[in-house]
Amino acid sequence: MYPSEGNFVVWGDRSQGRAFLHVDDAVDALVSATRPGLGHVMVQIGPSVCTSFREVAEAVVKISGKNIKIHYDTSQPTEKLGTVPTNPKLRPSLGWGQD
């Protein structure tokens, strides 16, 4: 059973998270990766910080300006707790990804 209308339902127990990347940062990294000197290597683009789903849900509620209760539905799948890319090849070669 789901909570009453007006609640924000988030699947899992709020501990899971992801590394979010703004599209402008993705474009900057891709353009930087086309510069000479990096060679033909695979790189991962993204921040080294994992943002929890709890933080995302709280930000959405704050931005909405409404008094919305967040309900974490632990009966639903939680998935991975968190993933962040590593980009050690981008840092020295391009100076990108500095946190």
PDB file of N, CA and C in Angstrom:
ATOM      1  N   MET A   1       0.845  -1.175   0.000  1.00  0.00           N
ATOM      2  CA  MET A   1       0.000   0.000   0.000  1.00  0.00           C
ATOM      3  C   MET A   1       0.896   1.245   0.000  1.00  0.00           C
ATOM      4  N   TYR A   2       0.526   2.209  -0.803  1.00  0.00           N
ATOM      5  CA  TYR A   2       1.292   3.442  -0.904  1.00  0.00           C
ATOM      6  C   TYR A   2       0.703   4.511   0.002  1.00  0.00           C
ATOM      7  N   PRO A   3       1.532   5.447   0.418  1.00  0.00           N
ATOM      8  CA  PRO A   3       1.038   6.524   1.276  1.00  0.00           C
ATOM      9  C   PRO A   3       0.007   7.373   0.554  1.00  0.00           C
ATOM     10  N   SER A   4      -0.670   8.184   1.308  1.00  0.00           N
ATOM     11  CA  SER A   4      -1.735   9.011   0.740  1.00  0.00           C
ATOM     12  C   SER A   4      -1.186  10.015  -0.272  1.00  0.00           C
ATOM     13  N   GLU A   5      -2.062  10.541  -1.083  1.00  0.00           N
ATOM     14  CA  GLU A   5      -1.730  11.535  -2.105  1.00  0.00           C
ATOM     15  C   GLU A   5      -0.960  12.694  -1.478  1.00  0.00           C
ATOM     16  N   GLY A   6       0.019  13.200  -2.163  1.00  0.00           N
ATOM     17  CA  GLY A   6       0.787  14.343  -1.674  1.00  0.00           C
ATOM     18  C   GLY A   6       2.110  13.957  -1.039  1.00  0.00           C
ATOM     19  N   ASN A   7       2.344  12.670  -0.842  1.00  0.00           N
ATOM     20  CA  ASN A   7       3.631  12.223  -0.325  1.00  0.00           C
ATOM     21  C   ASN A   7       4.554  11.884  -1.485  1.00  0.00           C
ATOM     22  N   PHE A   8       5.830  12.008  -1.262  1.00  0.00           N
ATOM     23  CA  PHE A   8       6.855  11.734  -2.253  1.00  0.00           C
ATOM     24  C   PHE A   8       7.411  10.346  -1.935  1.00  0.00           C
ATOM     25  N   VAL A   9       7.175   9.380  -2.824  1.00  0.00           N
ATOM     26  CA  VAL A   9       7.605   8.002  -2.595  1.00  0.00           C
ATOM     27  C   VAL A   9       8.948   7.767  -3.282  1.00  0.00           C
ATOM     28  N   VAL A  10       9.920   7.320  -2.486  1.00  0.00           N
ATOM     29  CA  VAL A  10      11.250   6.990  -2.996  1.00  0.00           C
ATOM     30  C   VAL A  10      11.484   5.512  -2.706  1.00  0.00           C
ATOM     31  N   TRP A  11      11.813   4.759  -3.736  1.00  0.00           N
ATOM     32  CA  TRP A  11      12.064   3.335  -3.553  1.00  0.00           C
ATOM     33  C   TRP A  11      13.361   3.122  -2.800  1.00  0.00           C
ATOM     34  N   GLY A  12      13.363   2.160  -1.904  1.00  0.00           N
ATOM     35  CA  GLY A  12      14.566   1.810  -1.154  1.00  0.00           C
ATOM     36  C   GLY A  12      14.594   2.462   0.212  1.00  0.00           C
ATOM     37  N   ASP A  13      15.752   2.345   0.847  1.00  0.00           N
ATOM     38  CA  ASP A  13      15.872   2.812   2.228  1.00  0.00           C
ATOM     39  C   ASP A  13      16.621   4.140   2.357  1.00  0.00           C
ATOM     40  N   ARG A  14      16.817   4.856   1.266  1.00  0.00           N
ATOM     41  CA  ARG A  14      17.466   6.172   1.169  1.00  0.00           C
ATOM     42  C   ARG A  14      18.986   6.123   1.244  1.00  0.00           C
ATOM     43  N   SER A  15      19.570   4.951   1.427  1.00  0.00           N
ATOM     44  CA  SER A  15      21.028   4.877   1.536  1.00  0.00           C
ATOM     45  C   SER A  15      21.714   4.819   0.170  1.00  0.00           C
ATOM     46  N   GLN A  16      20.989   4.438  -0.864  1.00  0.00           N
ATOM     47  CA  GLN A  16      21.599   4.336  -2.177  1.00  0.00           C
ATOM     48  C   GLN A  16      21.860   5.737  -2.746  1.00  0.00           C
ATOM     49  N   GLY A  17      22.789   5.818  -3.679  1.00  0.00           N
ATOM     50  CA  GLY A  17      23.118   7.103  -4.272  1.00  0.00           C
ATOM     51  C   GLY A  17      23.781   6.939  -5.622  1.00  0.00           C
ATOM     52  N   ARG A  18      24.051   8.043  -6.261  1.00  0.00           N
ATOM     53  CA  ARG A  18      24.695   8.039  -7.580  1.00  0.00           C
ATOM     54  C   ARG A  18      25.594   9.269  -7.709  1.00  0.00           C
ATOM     55  N   ALA A  19      26.467   9.219  -8.684  1.00  0.00           N
ATOM     56  CA  ALA A  19      27.325  10.357  -9.013  1.00  0.00           C
ATOM     57  C   ALA A  19      26.634  11.117 -10.143  1.00  0.00           C
ATOM     58  N   PHE A  20      26.119  12.274  -9.834  1.00  0.00           N
ATOM     59  CA  PHE A  20      25.400  13.075 -10.825  1.00  0.00           C
ATOM     60  C   PHE A  20      26.353  14.050 -11.491  1.00  0.00           C
ATOM     61  N   LEU A  21      26.159  14.246 -12.784  1.00  0.00           N
ATOM     62  CA  LEU A  21      27.026  15.116 -13.561  1.00  0.00           C
ATOM     63  C   LEU A  21      26.176  16.079 -14.376  1.00  0.00           C
ATOM     64  N   HIS A  22      26.483  17.356 -14.280  1.00  0.00           N
ATOM     65  CA  HIS A  22      25.768  18.357 -15.072  1.00  0.00           C
ATOM     66  C   HIS A  22      26.189  18.231 -16.533  1.00  0.00           C
ATOM     67  N   VAL A  23      25.274  18.443 -17.432  1.00  0.00           N
ATOM     68  CA  VAL A  23      25.542  18.278 -18.861  1.00  0.00           C
ATOM     69  C   VAL A  23      26.679  19.198 -19.331  1.00  0.00           C
ATOM     70  N   ASP A  24      26.783  20.391 -18.787  1.00  0.00           N
ATOM     71  CA  ASP A  24      27.886  21.292 -19.175  1.00  0.00           C
ATOM     72  C   ASP A  24      29.238  20.676 -18.822  1.00  0.00           C
ATOM     73  N   ASP A  25      29.322  20.029 -17.663  1.00  0.00           N
ATOM     74  CA  ASP A  25      30.565  19.374 -17.259  1.00  0.00           C
ATOM     75  C   ASP A  25      30.876  18.181 -18.160  1.00  0.00           C
ATOM     76  N   ALA A  26      29.844  17.455 -18.575  1.00  0.00           N
ATOM     77  CA  ALA A  26      30.042  16.322 -19.480  1.00  0.00           C
ATOM     78  C   ALA A  26      30.580  16.804 -20.822  1.00  0.00           C
ATOM     79  N   VAL A  27      30.014  17.880 -21.338  1.00  0.00           N
ATOM     80  CA  VAL A  27      30.479  18.433 -22.615  1.00  0.00           C
ATOM     81  C   VAL A  27      31.920  18.912 -22.496  1.00  0.00           C
ATOM     82  N   ASP A  28      32.240  19.631 -21.421  1.00  0.00           N
ATOM     83  CA  ASP A  28      33.617  20.095 -21.213  1.00  0.00           C
ATOM     84  C   ASP A  28      34.600  18.931 -21.190  1.00  0.00           C
ATOM     85  N   ALA A  29      34.230  17.849 -20.497  1.00  0.00           N
ATOM     86  CA  ALA A  29      35.108  16.682 -20.415  1.00  0.00           C
ATOM     87  C   ALA A  29      35.275  16.013 -21.775  1.00  0.00           C
ATOM     88  N   LEU A  30      34.190  15.902 -22.522  1.00  0.00           N
ATOM     89  CA  LEU A  30      34.275  15.282 -23.846  1.00  0.00           C
ATOM     90  C   LEU A  30      35.123  16.112 -24.802  1.00  0.00           C
ATOM     91  N   VAL A  31      34.966  17.424 -24.761  1.00  0.00           N
ATOM     92  CA  VAL A  31      35.780  18.298 -25.611  1.00  0.00           C
ATOM     93  C   VAL A  31      37.249  18.184 -25.198  1.00  0.00           C
ATOM     94  N   SER A  32      37.514  18.175 -23.900  1.00  0.00           N
ATOM     95  CA  SER A  32      38.889  18.038 -23.415  1.00  0.00           C
ATOM     96  C   SER A  32      39.505  16.712 -23.844  1.00  0.00           C
ATOM     97  N   ALA A  33      38.702  15.669 -23.878  1.00  0.00           N
ATOM     98  CA  ALA A  33      39.201  14.341 -24.238  1.00  0.00           C
ATOM     99  C   ALA A  33      39.592  14.236 -25.706  1.00  0.00           C
ATOM    100  N   THR A  34      39.148  15.179 -26.532  1.00  0.00           N
ATOM    101  CA  THR A  34      39.505  15.146 -27.954  1.00  0.00           C
ATOM    102  C   THR A  34      40.821  15.865 -28.228  1.00  0.00           C
ATOM    103  N   ARG A  35      41.375  16.516 -27.236  1.00  0.00           N
ATOM    104  CA  ARG A  35      42.657  17.221 -27.427  1.00  0.00           C
ATOM    105  C   ARG A  35      43.784  16.213 -27.608  1.00  0.00           C
ATOM    106  N   PRO A  36      44.802  16.599 -28.364  1.00  0.00           N
ATOM    107  CA  PRO A  36      45.957  15.707 -28.550  1.00  0.00           C
ATOM    108  C   PRO A  36      46.643  15.416 -27.206  1.00  0.00           C
ATOM    109  N   GLY A  37      47.224  14.238 -27.104  1.00  0.00           N
ATOM    110  CA  GLY A  37      48.006  13.902 -25.927  1.00  0.00           C
ATOM    111  C   GLY A  37      47.404  12.835 -25.043  1.00  0.00           C
ATOM    112  N   LEU A  38      46.115  12.647 -25.096  1.00  0.00           N
ATOM    113  CA  LEU A  38      45.503  11.635 -24.242  1.00  0.00           C
ATOM    114  C   LEU A  38      45.693  10.239 -24.831  1.00  0.00           C
ATOM    115  N   GLY A  39      45.765  10.162 -26.144  1.00  0.00           N
ATOM    116  CA  GLY A  39      45.920   8.863 -26.783  1.00  0.00           C
ATOM    117  C   GLY A  39      44.592   8.138 -26.870  1.00  0.00           C
ATOM    118  N   HIS A  40      44.666   6.864 -27.161  1.00  0.00           N
ATOM    119  CA  HIS A  40      43.457   6.045 -27.297  1.00  0.00           C
ATOM    120  C   HIS A  40      43.267   5.232 -26.016  1.00  0.00           C
ATOM    121  N   VAL A  41      42.685   5.858 -25.035  1.00  0.00           N
ATOM    122  CA  VAL A  41      42.416   5.180 -23.771  1.00  0.00           C
ATOM    123  C   VAL A  41      40.956   5.393 -23.397  1.00  0.00           C
ATOM    124  N   MET A  42      40.444   4.489 -22.602  1.00  0.00           N
ATOM    125  CA  MET A  42      39.077   4.636 -22.118  1.00  0.00           C
ATOM    126  C   MET A  42      39.124   5.422 -20.812  1.00  0.00           C
ATOM    127  N   VAL A  43      38.228   6.371 -20.685  1.00  0.00           N
ATOM    128  CA  VAL A  43      38.156   7.163 -19.455  1.00  0.00           C
ATOM    129  C   VAL A  43      36.708   7.193 -18.961  1.00  0.00           C
ATOM    130  N   GLN A  44      36.555   7.388 -17.672  1.00  0.00           N
ATOM    131  CA  GLN A  44      35.235   7.564 -17.087  1.00  0.00           C
ATOM    132  C   GLN A  44      35.082   9.029 -16.731  1.00  0.00           C
ATOM    133  N   ILE A  45      33.944   9.580 -17.084  1.00  0.00           N
ATOM    134  CA  ILE A  45      33.684  10.988 -16.830  1.00  0.00           C
ATOM    135  C   ILE A  45      32.649  11.096 -15.723  1.00  0.00           C
ATOM    136  N   GLY A  46      32.957  11.855 -14.706  1.00  0.00           N
ATOM    137  CA  GLY A  46      32.002  12.058 -13.632  1.00  0.00           C
ATOM    138  C   GLY A  46      32.682  12.496 -12.354  1.00  0.00           C
ATOM    139  N   PRO A  47      31.876  12.970 -11.422  1.00  0.00           N
ATOM    140  CA  PRO A  47      32.429  13.421 -10.145  1.00  0.00           C
ATOM    141  C   PRO A  47      32.802  12.234  -9.265  1.00  0.00           C
ATOM    142  N   SER A  48      33.689  12.461  -8.323  1.00  0.00           N
ATOM    143  CA  SER A  48      34.082  11.396  -7.401  1.00  0.00           C
ATOM    144  C   SER A  48      33.264  11.454  -6.119  1.00  0.00           C
ATOM    145  N   VAL A  49      32.113  12.114  -6.192  1.00  0.00           N
ATOM    146  CA  VAL A  49      31.233  12.263  -5.029  1.00  0.00           C
ATOM    147  C   VAL A  49      29.918  11.560  -5.315  1.00  0.00           C
ATOM    148  N   CYS A  50      29.477  10.772  -4.369  1.00  0.00           N
ATOM    149  CA  CYS A  50      28.197  10.077  -4.489  1.00  0.00           C
ATOM    150  C   CYS A  50      27.140  10.857  -3.705  1.00  0.00           C
ATOM    151  N   THR A  51      26.058  11.227  -4.383  1.00  0.00           N
ATOM    152  CA  THR A  51      24.952  11.945  -3.743  1.00  0.00           C
ATOM    153  C   THR A  51      23.860  10.930  -3.412  1.00  0.00           C
ATOM    154  N   SER A  52      23.423  10.912  -2.164  1.00  0.00           N
ATOM    155  CA  SER A  52      22.418   9.935  -1.759  1.00  0.00           C
ATOM    156  C   SER A  52      21.047  10.313  -2.310  1.00  0.00           C
ATOM    157  N   PHE A  53      20.211   9.301  -2.486  1.00  0.00           N
ATOM    158  CA  PHE A  53      18.845   9.554  -2.938  1.00  0.00           C
ATOM    159  C   PHE A  53      18.086  10.380  -1.909  1.00  0.00           C
ATOM    160  N   ARG A  54      18.466  10.241  -0.641  1.00  0.00           N
ATOM    161  CA  ARG A  54      17.852  11.060   0.409  1.00  0.00           C
ATOM    162  C   ARG A  54      18.130  12.535   0.139  1.00  0.00           C
ATOM    163  N   GLU A  55      19.390  12.871  -0.195  1.00  0.00           N
ATOM    164  CA  GLU A  55      19.748  14.259  -0.496  1.00  0.00           C
ATOM    165  C   GLU A  55      18.984  14.782  -1.715  1.00  0.00           C
ATOM    166  N   VAL A  56      18.855  13.943  -2.728  1.00  0.00           N
ATOM    167  CA  VAL A  56      18.117  14.344  -3.930  1.00  0.00           C
ATOM    168  C   VAL A  56      16.646  14.586  -3.600  1.00  0.00           C
ATOM    169  N   ALA A  57      16.041  13.663  -2.860  1.00  0.00           N
ATOM    170  CA  ALA A  57      14.625  13.802  -2.497  1.00  0.00           C
ATOM    171  C   ALA A  57      14.396  15.063  -1.673  1.00  0.00           C
ATOM    172  N   GLU A  58      15.282  15.328  -0.705  1.00  0.00           N
ATOM    173  CA  GLU A  58      15.141  16.530   0.120  1.00  0.00           C
ATOM    174  C   GLU A  58      15.296  17.802  -0.711  1.00  0.00           C
ATOM    175  N   ALA A  59      16.196  17.795  -1.694  1.00  0.00           N
ATOM    176  CA  ALA A  59      16.372  18.953  -2.573  1.00  0.00           C
ATOM    177  C   ALA A  59      15.127  19.194  -3.420  1.00  0.00           C
ATOM    178  N   VAL A  60      14.515  18.119  -3.927  1.00  0.00           N
ATOM    179  CA  VAL A  60      13.297  18.243  -4.730  1.00  0.00           C
ATOM    180  C   VAL A  60      12.176  18.866  -3.900  1.00  0.00           C
ATOM    181  N   VAL A  61      12.024  18.386  -2.662  1.00  0.00           N
ATOM    182  CA  VAL A  61      10.992  18.936  -1.782  1.00  0.00           C
ATOM    183  C   VAL A  61      11.266  20.413  -1.508  1.00  0.00           C
ATOM    184  N   LYS A  62      12.519  20.751  -1.233  1.00  0.00           N
ATOM    185  CA  LYS A  62      12.872  22.145  -0.943  1.00  0.00           C
ATOM    186  C   LYS A  62      12.591  23.046  -2.142  1.00  0.00           C
ATOM    187  N   ILE A  63      12.983  22.597  -3.331  1.00  0.00           N
ATOM    188  CA  ILE A  63      12.763  23.375  -4.552  1.00  0.00           C
ATOM    189  C   ILE A  63      11.277  23.555  -4.830  1.00  0.00           C
ATOM    190  N   SER A  64      10.480  22.540  -4.488  1.00  0.00           N
ATOM    191  CA  SER A  64       9.042  22.621  -4.752  1.00  0.00           C
ATOM    192  C   SER A  64       8.370  23.694  -3.906  1.00  0.00           C
ATOM    193  N   GLY A  65       8.959  23.997  -2.747  1.00  0.00           N
ATOM    194  CA  GLY A  65       8.373  24.988  -1.862  1.00  0.00           C
ATOM    195  C   GLY A  65       7.111  24.504  -1.165  1.00  0.00           C
ATOM    196  N   LYS A  66       6.866  23.207  -1.250  1.00  0.00           N
ATOM    197  CA  LYS A  66       5.652  22.639  -0.642  1.00  0.00           C
ATOM    198  C   LYS A  66       6.017  21.778   0.564  1.00  0.00           C
ATOM    199  N   ASN A  67       5.071  21.578   1.424  1.00  0.00           N
ATOM    200  CA  ASN A  67       5.260  20.726   2.592  1.00  0.00           C
ATOM    201  C   ASN A  67       4.924  19.290   2.196  1.00  0.00           C
ATOM    202  N   ILE A  68       5.905  18.613   1.626  1.00  0.00           N
ATOM    203  CA  ILE A  68       5.709  17.253   1.130  1.00  0.00           C
ATOM    204  C   ILE A  68       6.494  16.297   2.013  1.00  0.00           C
ATOM    205  N   LYS A  69       5.839  15.231   2.448  1.00  0.00           N
ATOM    206  CA  LYS A  69       6.500  14.220   3.264  1.00  0.00           C
ATOM    207  C   LYS A  69       7.151  13.188   2.337  1.00  0.00           C
ATOM    208  N   ILE A  70       8.409  12.871   2.616  1.00  0.00           N
ATOM    209  CA  ILE A  70       9.123  11.860   1.836  1.00  0.00           C
ATOM    210  C   ILE A  70       8.883  10.507   2.503  1.00  0.00           C
ATOM    211  N   HIS A  71       8.418   9.545   1.710  1.00  0.00           N
ATOM    212  CA  HIS A  71       8.181   8.190   2.207  1.00  0.00           C
ATOM    213  C   HIS A  71       9.158   7.255   1.499  1.00  0.00           C
ATOM    214  N   TYR A  72      10.003   6.555   2.274  1.00  0.00           N
ATOM    215  CA  TYR A  72      10.952   5.601   1.710  1.00  0.00           C
ATOM    216  C   TYR A  72      10.318   4.221   1.747  1.00  0.00           C
ATOM    217  N   ASP A  73      10.039   3.679   0.576  1.00  0.00           N
ATOM    218  CA  ASP A  73       9.355   2.398   0.445  1.00  0.00           C
ATOM    219  C   ASP A  73      10.388   1.277   0.420  1.00  0.00           C
ATOM    220  N   THR A  74      10.653   0.709   1.587  1.00  0.00           N
ATOM    221  CA  THR A  74      11.670  -0.338   1.701  1.00  0.00           C
ATOM    222  C   THR A  74      11.199  -1.688   1.166  1.00  0.00           C
ATOM    223  N   SER A  75       9.941  -1.771   0.758  1.00  0.00           N
ATOM    224  CA  SER A  75       9.469  -3.021   0.145  1.00  0.00           C
ATOM    225  C   SER A  75       9.896  -3.102  -1.319  1.00  0.00           C
ATOM    226  N   GLN A  76      10.377  -1.989  -1.844  1.00  0.00           N
ATOM    227  CA  GLN A  76      10.828  -1.940  -3.237  1.00  0.00           C
ATOM    228  C   GLN A  76      12.348  -2.136  -3.300  1.00  0.00           C
ATOM    229  N   PRO A  77      12.873  -2.515  -4.468  1.00  0.00           N
ATOM    230  CA  PRO A  77      14.312  -2.772  -4.596  1.00  0.00           C
ATOM    231  C   PRO A  77      15.152  -1.540  -4.258  1.00  0.00           C
ATOM    232  N   THR A  78      16.313  -1.804  -3.656  1.00  0.00           N
ATOM    233  CA  THR A  78      17.241  -0.739  -3.299  1.00  0.00           C
ATOM    234  C   THR A  78      18.349  -0.576  -4.340  1.00  0.00           C
ATOM    235  N   GLU A  79      18.704  -1.597  -5.047  1.00  0.00           N
ATOM    236  CA  GLU A  79      19.788  -1.602  -6.027  1.00  0.00           C
ATOM    237  C   GLU A  79      21.133  -1.385  -5.348  1.00  0.00           C
ATOM    238  N   LYS A  80      22.122  -0.938  -6.128  1.00  0.00           N
ATOM    239  CA  LYS A  80      23.459  -0.670  -5.592  1.00  0.00           C
ATOM    240  C   LYS A  80      23.391   0.486  -4.609  1.00  0.00           C
ATOM    241  N   LEU A  81      24.257   0.450  -3.616  1.00  0.00           N
ATOM    242  CA  LEU A  81      24.279   1.546  -2.655  1.00  0.00           C
ATOM    243  C   LEU A  81      24.818   2.824  -3.288  1.00  0.00           C
ATOM    244  N   GLY A  82      25.808   2.723  -4.139  1.00  0.00           N
ATOM    245  CA  GLY A  82      26.327   3.915  -4.786  1.00  0.00           C
ATOM    246  C   GLY A  82      27.463   3.588  -5.729  1.00  0.00           C
ATOM    247  N   THR A  83      27.570   4.370  -6.765  1.00  0.00           N
ATOM    248  CA  THR A  83      28.660   4.208  -7.709  1.00  0.00           C
ATOM    249  C   THR A  83      29.205   5.579  -8.071  1.00  0.00           C
ATOM    250  N   VAL A  84      30.516   5.647  -8.193  1.00  0.00           N
ATOM    251  CA  VAL A  84      31.156   6.864  -8.676  1.00  0.00           C
ATOM    252  C   VAL A  84      32.253   6.454  -9.644  1.00  0.00           C
ATOM    253  N   PRO A  85      32.419   7.226 -10.711  1.00  0.00           N
ATOM    254  CA  PRO A  85      33.487   6.898 -11.651  1.00  0.00           C
ATOM    255  C   PRO A  85      34.842   7.321 -11.105  1.00  0.00           C
ATOM    256  N   THR A  86      35.862   6.686 -11.612  1.00  0.00           N
ATOM    257  CA  THR A  86      37.220   7.131 -11.309  1.00  0.00           C
ATOM    258  C   THR A  86      37.788   7.710 -12.592  1.00  0.00           C
ATOM    259  N   ASN A  87      38.477   8.803 -12.497  1.00  0.00           N
ATOM    260  CA  ASN A  87      39.006   9.439 -13.706  1.00  0.00           C
ATOM    261  C   ASN A  87      40.460   9.853 -13.545  1.00  0.00           C
ATOM    262  N   PRO A  88      41.333   8.942 -13.083  1.00  0.00           N
ATOM    263  CA  PRO A  88      42.727   9.324 -12.891  1.00  0.00           C
ATOM    264  C   PRO A  88      43.446   9.671 -14.191  1.00  0.00           C
ATOM    265  N   LYS A  89      42.987   9.139 -15.332  1.00  0.00           N
ATOM    266  CA  LYS A  89      43.633   9.447 -16.602  1.00  0.00           C
ATOM    267  C   LYS A  89      43.291  10.856 -17.069  1.00  0.00           C
ATOM    268  N   LEU A  90      42.101  11.346 -16.711  1.00  0.00           N
ATOM    269  CA  LEU A  90      41.722  12.699 -17.114  1.00  0.00           C
ATOM    270  C   LEU A  90      42.414  13.758 -16.278  1.00  0.00           C
ATOM    271  N   ARG A  91      42.623  13.493 -15.027  1.00  0.00           N
ATOM    272  CA  ARG A  91      43.176  14.513 -14.130  1.00  0.00           C
ATOM    273  C   ARG A  91      44.547  15.021 -14.595  1.00  0.00           C
ATOM    274  N   PRO A  92      45.556  14.156 -14.736  1.00  0.00           N
ATOM    275  CA  PRO A  92      46.873  14.681 -15.122  1.00  0.00           C
ATOM    276  C   PRO A  92      46.946  15.151 -16.572  1.00  0.00           C
ATOM    277  N   SER A  93      46.252  14.472 -17.460  1.00  0.00           N
ATOM    278  CA  SER A  93      46.348  14.808 -18.879  1.00  0.00           C
ATOM    279  C   SER A  93      45.595  16.074 -19.244  1.00  0.00           C
ATOM    280  N   LEU A  94      44.415  16.264 -18.648  1.00  0.00           N
ATOM    281  CA  LEU A  94      43.552  17.362 -19.073  1.00  0.00           C
ATOM    282  C   LEU A  94      43.224  18.339 -17.953  1.00  0.00           C
ATOM    283  N   GLY A  95      43.547  17.997 -16.726  1.00  0.00           N
ATOM    284  CA  GLY A  95      43.191  18.873 -15.612  1.00  0.00           C
ATOM    285  C   GLY A  95      41.704  18.899 -15.346  1.00  0.00           C
ATOM    286  N   TRP A  96      40.978  17.905 -15.844  1.00  0.00           N
ATOM    287  CA  TRP A  96      39.537  17.858 -15.652  1.00  0.00           C
ATOM    288  C   TRP A  96      39.215  16.927 -14.511  1.00  0.00           C
ATOM    289  N   GLY A  97      38.139  17.206 -13.821  1.00  0.00           N
ATOM    290  CA  GLY A  97      37.679  16.317 -12.772  1.00  0.00           C
ATOM    291  C   GLY A  97      38.248  16.660 -11.412  1.00  0.00           C
ATOM    292  N   GLN A  98      38.838  17.824 -11.292  1.00  0.00           N
ATOM    293  CA  GLN A  98      39.350  18.245  -9.985  1.00  0.00           C
ATOM    294  C   GLN A  98      38.174  18.555  -9.090  1.00  0.00           C
ATOM    295  N   ASP A  99      38.114  17.936  -7.933  1.00  0.00           N
ATOM    296  CA  ASP A  99      37.017  18.172  -6.986  1.00  0.00           C
ATOM    297  C   ASP A  99      37.427  19.192  -5.957  1.00  0.00           C
TER     298      ASP A  99
END
